[in-house]
C-alpha atoms as a PDB file:
ATOM      1  CA  MET A   1     155.527-170.728  58.283  1.00  0.00           C
ATOM      2  CA  ALA A   2     158.357-173.035  59.207  1.00  0.00           C
ATOM      3  CA  GLU A   3     156.506-176.321  58.896  1.00  0.00           C
ATOM      4  CA  THR A   4     155.761-177.786  55.513  1.00  0.00           C
ATOM      5  CA  SER A   5     153.830-180.860  54.565  1.00  0.00           C
ATOM      6  CA  LEU A   6     154.422-183.574  52.036  1.00  0.00           C
ATOM      7  CA  HIS A   7     150.650-183.698  51.658  1.00  0.00           C
ATOM      8  CA  ALA A   8     148.852-181.324  49.319  1.00  0.00           C
ATOM      9  CA  PHE A   9     145.926-179.527  50.905  1.00  0.00           C
ATOM     10  CA  LYS A  10     142.687-181.158  49.779  1.00  0.00           C
ATOM     11  CA  GLY A  11     139.945-178.970  51.210  1.00  0.00           C
ATOM     12  CA  THR A  12     136.484-179.149  49.675  1.00  0.00           C
ATOM     13  CA  ILE A  13     133.963-176.421  48.875  1.00  0.00           C
ATOM     14  CA  ALA A  14     131.682-177.881  51.574  1.00  0.00           C
ATOM     15  CA  GLN A  15     134.461-177.655  54.167  1.00  0.00           C
ATOM     16  CA  GLU A  16     135.215-174.069  53.165  1.00  0.00           C
ATOM     17  CA  ARG A  17     131.536-173.164  53.443  1.00  0.00           C
ATOM     18  CA  GLN A  18     131.403-174.777  56.879  1.00  0.00           C
ATOM     19  CA  LEU A  19     134.520-172.863  57.993  1.00  0.00           C
ATOM     20  CA  LYS A  20     133.023-169.557  56.816  1.00  0.00           C
ATOM     21  CA  GLU A  21     129.918-170.266  58.904  1.00  0.00           C
ATOM     22  CA  VAL A  22     132.099-170.963  61.946  1.00  0.00           C
ATOM     23  CA  ILE A  23     134.051-167.734  61.403  1.00  0.00           C
ATOM     24  CA  GLU A  24     130.832-165.743  61.059  1.00  0.00           C
ATOM     25  CA  LYS A  25     129.451-167.302  64.252  1.00  0.00           C
ATOM     26  CA  HIS A  26     132.528-166.210  66.276  1.00  0.00           C
ATOM     27  CA  LEU A  27     133.484-163.036  64.371  1.00  0.00           C
ATOM     28  CA  HIS A  28     132.471-160.502  67.022  1.00  0.00           C
ATOM     29  CA  GLN A  29     133.037-162.736  70.019  1.00  0.00           C
ATOM     30  CA  PRO A  30     135.948-161.809  72.325  1.00  0.00           C
ATOM     31  CA  GLY A  31     138.489-164.639  72.161  1.00  0.00           C
ATOM     32  CA  GLY A  32     136.744-166.042  69.100  1.00  0.00           C
ATOM     33  CA  LEU A  33     139.975-167.313  67.554  1.00  0.00           C
ATOM     34  CA  MET A  34     140.190-170.350  69.873  1.00  0.00           C
ATOM     35  CA  PRO A  35     136.738-171.770  69.071  1.00  0.00           C
ATOM     36  CA  VAL A  36     137.297-171.054  65.369  1.00  0.00           C
ATOM     37  CA  LEU A  37     140.585-172.987  65.431  1.00  0.00           C
ATOM     38  CA  GLN A  38     138.973-175.849  67.364  1.00  0.00           C
ATOM     39  CA  GLU A  39     136.047-176.103  64.961  1.00  0.00           C
ATOM     40  CA  ALA A  40     138.329-175.686  61.921  1.00  0.00           C
ATOM     41  CA  GLN A  41     140.455-178.590  63.104  1.00  0.00           C
ATOM     42  CA  GLY A  42     137.254-180.596  63.514  1.00  0.00           C
ATOM     43  CA  ILE A  43     136.307-179.788  59.920  1.00  0.00           C
ATOM     44  CA  TYR A  44     139.691-180.422  58.286  1.00  0.00           C
ATOM     45  CA  GLY A  45     141.380-182.733  60.805  1.00  0.00           C
ATOM     46  CA  TYR A  46     144.340-180.355  61.068  1.00  0.00           C
ATOM     47  CA  LEU A  47     145.219-176.695  60.463  1.00  0.00           C
ATOM     48  CA  PRO A  48     147.221-176.303  57.251  1.00  0.00           C
ATOM     49  CA  GLU A  49     148.455-172.876  56.176  1.00  0.00           C
ATOM     50  CA  GLU A  50     145.547-172.515  53.742  1.00  0.00           C
ATOM     51  CA  VAL A  51     143.016-172.910  56.559  1.00  0.00           C
ATOM     52  CA  GLN A  52     144.951-170.559  58.828  1.00  0.00           C
ATOM     53  CA  THR A  53     144.920-167.971  56.038  1.00  0.00           C
ATOM     54  CA  MET A  54     141.134-168.275  55.623  1.00  0.00           C
ATOM     55  CA  ILE A  55     140.724-167.842  59.390  1.00  0.00           C
ATOM     56  CA  ALA A  56     143.007-164.799  59.510  1.00  0.00           C
ATOM     57  CA  GLU A  57     141.225-163.115  56.609  1.00  0.00           C
ATOM     58  CA  GLY A  58     137.787-164.024  57.956  1.00  0.00           C
ATOM     59  CA  LEU A  59     138.497-162.698  61.439  1.00  0.00           C
ATOM     60  CA  GLY A  60     140.457-159.683  60.193  1.00  0.00           C
ATOM     61  CA  ILE A  61     143.612-160.595  62.106  1.00  0.00           C
ATOM     62  CA  SER A  62     147.156-161.373  61.010  1.00  0.00           C
ATOM     63  CA  LEU A  63     148.220-164.810  59.847  1.00  0.00           C
ATOM     64  CA  SER A  64     151.048-164.656  62.386  1.00  0.00           C
ATOM     65  CA  GLU A  65     148.502-164.275  65.212  1.00  0.00           C
ATOM     66  CA  VAL A  66     146.592-167.345  63.997  1.00  0.00           C
ATOM     67  CA  TYR A  67     149.828-169.302  63.575  1.00  0.00           C
ATOM     68  CA  GLY A  68     151.051-168.225  67.020  1.00  0.00           C
ATOM     69  CA  VAL A  69     147.929-169.561  68.735  1.00  0.00           C
ATOM     70  CA  ALA A  70     147.825-172.723  66.603  1.00  0.00           C
ATOM     71  CA  THR A  71     151.433-173.567  67.473  1.00  0.00           C
ATOM     72  CA  PHE A  72     151.214-172.578  71.153  1.00  0.00           C
ATOM     73  CA  TYR A  73     148.499-175.067  72.107  1.00  0.00           C
ATOM     74  CA  SER A  74     149.316-178.770  71.780  1.00  0.00           C
ATOM     75  CA  GLN A  75     145.711-179.636  70.901  1.00  0.00           C
ATOM     76  CA  PHE A  76     146.237-178.171  67.439  1.00  0.00           C
ATOM     77  CA  SER A  77     148.027-179.969  64.618  1.00  0.00           C
ATOM     78  CA  LEU A  78     149.539-178.331  61.540  1.00  0.00           C
ATOM     79  CA  THR A  79     150.057-181.661  59.820  1.00  0.00           C
ATOM     80  CA  PRO A  80     147.459-184.189  58.665  1.00  0.00           C
ATOM     81  CA  LYS A  81     146.768-187.281  60.713  1.00  0.00           C
ATOM     82  CA  GLY A  82     146.687-190.726  59.197  1.00  0.00           C
ATOM     83  CA  GLU A  83     143.696-192.986  58.827  1.00  0.00           C
ATOM     84  CA  ASN A  84     145.362-194.985  61.620  1.00  0.00           C
ATOM     85  CA  ARG A  85     146.799-192.884  64.413  1.00  0.00           C
ATOM     86  CA  VAL A  86     149.674-194.583  66.228  1.00  0.00           C
ATOM     87  CA  SER A  87     150.491-193.149  69.635  1.00  0.00           C
ATOM     88  CA  ILE A  88     153.379-194.197  71.842  1.00  0.00           C
ATOM     89  CA  CYS A  89     153.186-193.376  75.542  1.00  0.00           C
ATOM     90  CA  LEU A  90     156.412-191.741  76.724  1.00  0.00           C
ATOM     91  CA  GLY A  91     155.255-191.231  80.301  1.00  0.00           C
ATOM     92  CA  THR A  92     157.636-192.231  83.084  1.00  0.00           C
ATOM     93  CA  ALA A  93     156.424-195.815  83.565  1.00  0.00           C
ATOM     94  CA  CYS A  94     156.434-196.525  79.830  1.00  0.00           C
ATOM     95  CA  TYR A  95     159.722-194.751  79.212  1.00  0.00           C
ATOM     96  CA  VAL A  96     161.644-196.661  81.873  1.00  0.00           C
ATOM     97  CA  LYS A  97     160.287-199.913  80.404  1.00  0.00           C
ATOM     98  CA  GLY A  98     161.556-199.131  76.896  1.00  0.00           C
ATOM     99  CA  ALA A  99     158.957-196.949  75.156  1.00  0.00           C
ATOM    100  CA  ASP A 100     161.762-195.182  73.281  1.00  0.00           C
ATOM    101  CA  LYS A 101     162.598-198.509  71.608  1.00  0.00           C
ATOM    102  CA  ILE A 102     158.919-199.012  70.694  1.00  0.00           C
ATOM    103  CA  LEU A 103     158.803-195.538  69.148  1.00  0.00           C
ATOM    104  CA  ALA A 104     162.012-196.241  67.197  1.00  0.00           C
ATOM    105  CA  ALA A 105     160.545-199.526  65.906  1.00  0.00           C
ATOM    106  CA  VAL A 106     157.337-197.790  64.780  1.00  0.00           C
ATOM    107  CA  GLU A 107     159.301-195.020  63.048  1.00  0.00           C
ATOM    108  CA  GLU A 108     161.482-197.589  61.288  1.00  0.00           C
ATOM    109  CA  LYS A 109     158.503-199.737  60.222  1.00  0.00           C
ATOM    110  CA  LEU A 110     156.533-196.766  58.823  1.00  0.00           C
ATOM    111  CA  GLY A 111     159.503-194.783  57.494  1.00  0.00           C
ATOM    112  CA  ILE A 112     158.374-191.568  59.224  1.00  0.00           C
ATOM    113  CA  LYS A 113     159.131-189.746  62.467  1.00  0.00           C
ATOM    114  CA  SER A 114     156.837-188.843  65.340  1.00  0.00           C
ATOM    115  CA  GLY A 115     154.509-186.024  64.295  1.00  0.00           C
ATOM    116  CA  GLU A 116     154.473-187.130  60.658  1.00  0.00           C
ATOM    117  CA  CYS A 117     152.025-188.931  58.381  1.00  0.00           C
ATOM    118  CA  THR A 118     152.908-191.574  55.791  1.00  0.00           C
ATOM    119  CA  PRO A 119     152.665-190.344  52.178  1.00  0.00           C
ATOM    120  CA  ASP A 120     149.709-192.686  51.562  1.00  0.00           C
ATOM    121  CA  GLY A 121     147.861-191.183  54.532  1.00  0.00           C
ATOM    122  CA  LEU A 122     147.415-194.583  56.170  1.00  0.00           C
ATOM    123  CA  PHE A 123     149.447-193.947  59.351  1.00  0.00           C
ATOM    124  CA  SER A 124     150.594-191.081  61.518  1.00  0.00           C
ATOM    125  CA  ILE A 125     152.749-191.281  64.643  1.00  0.00           C
ATOM    126  CA  ASP A 126     152.506-189.223  67.795  1.00  0.00           C
ATOM    127  CA  SER A 127     153.882-189.577  71.274  1.00  0.00           C
ATOM    128  CA  CYS A 128     151.977-188.703  74.403  1.00  0.00           C
ATOM    129  CA  ARG A 129     152.841-188.280  78.053  1.00  0.00           C
ATOM    130  CA  CYS A 130     150.486-190.790  79.669  1.00  0.00           C
ATOM    131  CA  VAL A 131     147.541-192.926  78.609  1.00  0.00           C
ATOM    132  CA  GLY A 132     146.712-194.027  82.151  1.00  0.00           C
ATOM    133  CA  ALA A 133     147.690-197.643  81.617  1.00  0.00           C
ATOM    134  CA  CYS A 134     150.942-197.631  83.571  1.00  0.00           C
ATOM    135  CA  GLY A 135     150.523-201.267  84.628  1.00  0.00           C
ATOM    136  CA  LEU A 136     150.744-202.240  80.942  1.00  0.00           C
ATOM    137  CA  ALA A 137     153.933-200.276  80.252  1.00  0.00           C
ATOM    138  CA  PRO A 138     155.199-199.760  77.635  1.00  0.00           C
ATOM    139  CA  VAL A 139     151.976-198.918  75.799  1.00  0.00           C
ATOM    140  CA  MET A 140     151.225-198.267  72.129  1.00  0.00           C
ATOM    141  CA  MET A 141     147.819-197.254  70.831  1.00  0.00           C
ATOM    142  CA  VAL A 142     146.511-197.559  67.295  1.00  0.00           C
ATOM    143  CA  ASN A 143     143.329-195.525  67.039  1.00  0.00           C
ATOM    144  CA  ASP A 144     141.401-196.665  70.146  1.00  0.00           C
ATOM    145  CA  ASP A 145     143.127-200.052  70.417  1.00  0.00           C
ATOM    146  CA  VAL A 146     145.567-200.326  73.340  1.00  0.00           C
ATOM    147  CA  TYR A 147     148.582-202.641  73.152  1.00  0.00           C
ATOM    148  CA  GLY A 148     150.446-203.167  76.420  1.00  0.00           C
ATOM    149  CA  LYS A 149     153.699-204.732  77.535  1.00  0.00           C
ATOM    150  CA  MET A 150     155.034-203.988  74.059  1.00  0.00           C
ATOM    151  CA  THR A 151     158.322-205.183  72.644  1.00  0.00           C
ATOM    152  CA  PRO A 152     159.935-203.822  69.468  1.00  0.00           C
ATOM    153  CA  GLU A 153     159.360-207.217  67.819  1.00  0.00           C
ATOM    154  CA  GLN A 154     155.577-206.880  68.234  1.00  0.00           C
ATOM    155  CA  VAL A 155     155.369-203.550  66.391  1.00  0.00           C
ATOM    156  CA  GLY A 156     155.519-204.891  62.813  1.00  0.00           C
ATOM    157  CA  PRO A 157     152.849-207.599  63.160  1.00  0.00           C
ATOM    158  CA  ILE A 158     150.501-205.214  64.994  1.00  0.00           C
ATOM    159  CA  LEU A 159     150.842-202.454  62.389  1.00  0.00           C
ATOM    160  CA  ASP A 160     150.389-204.994  59.591  1.00  0.00           C
ATOM    161  CA  ARG A 161     146.865-205.619  60.912  1.00  0.00           C
ATOM    162  CA  TYR A 162     145.930-202.076  59.883  1.00  0.00           C
ATOM    163  CA  THR A 163     147.441-202.094  56.407  1.00  0.00           C
ATOM    164  CA  GLY A 164     144.890-201.718  53.640  1.00  0.00           C
ATOM    165  CA  LYS A 165     141.821-201.648  55.852  1.00  0.00           C
ATOM    166  CA  LYS A 166     140.139-199.297  58.263  1.00  0.00           C
ATOM    167  CA  GLY A 167     140.500-200.137  61.919  1.00  0.00           C
ATOM    168  CA  GLY A 168     142.021-203.459  62.715  1.00  0.00           C
ATOM    169  CA  GLY A 169     141.399-204.210  66.341  1.00  0.00           C
ATOM    170  CA  GLN A 170     143.165-206.690  68.496  1.00  0.00           C
ATOM    171  CA  SER A 171     143.019-210.396  67.939  1.00  0.00           C
END
């Protein structure tokens, strides 16, 4: 496995029990790996190596097969997501209006790169291709809150709203 995480895996007995039930439900189903991975990500929030290993052993397939599918499809994440998920739209409209500068400002403010999670688990950053709000370009989302016509100077104050509390919302 090429990717490593700064975050120690913190699975619970209840989560493991739930995963075993999911594996059993799909064990003899053709193409059962996909629904198992989807449900496993729902249980854990991401697919760390430990979870992939449990899936491989439970389904009687190789870890490399599980890893191959998990890394092929963009819906799966091998790294944990933060309590607050920051997403920067890099679609054409947003990009030409400076989304790359917004992403750089977010990365600088949080001290992590896109695809990573802060060590305290409070924030993670991802980029996406389009959020369907091209008229508001460039767009940043924090959880379900949409911030349009962003400038790099707005990034810090917006992210500060989410520090130390769940959610945050717009004011």
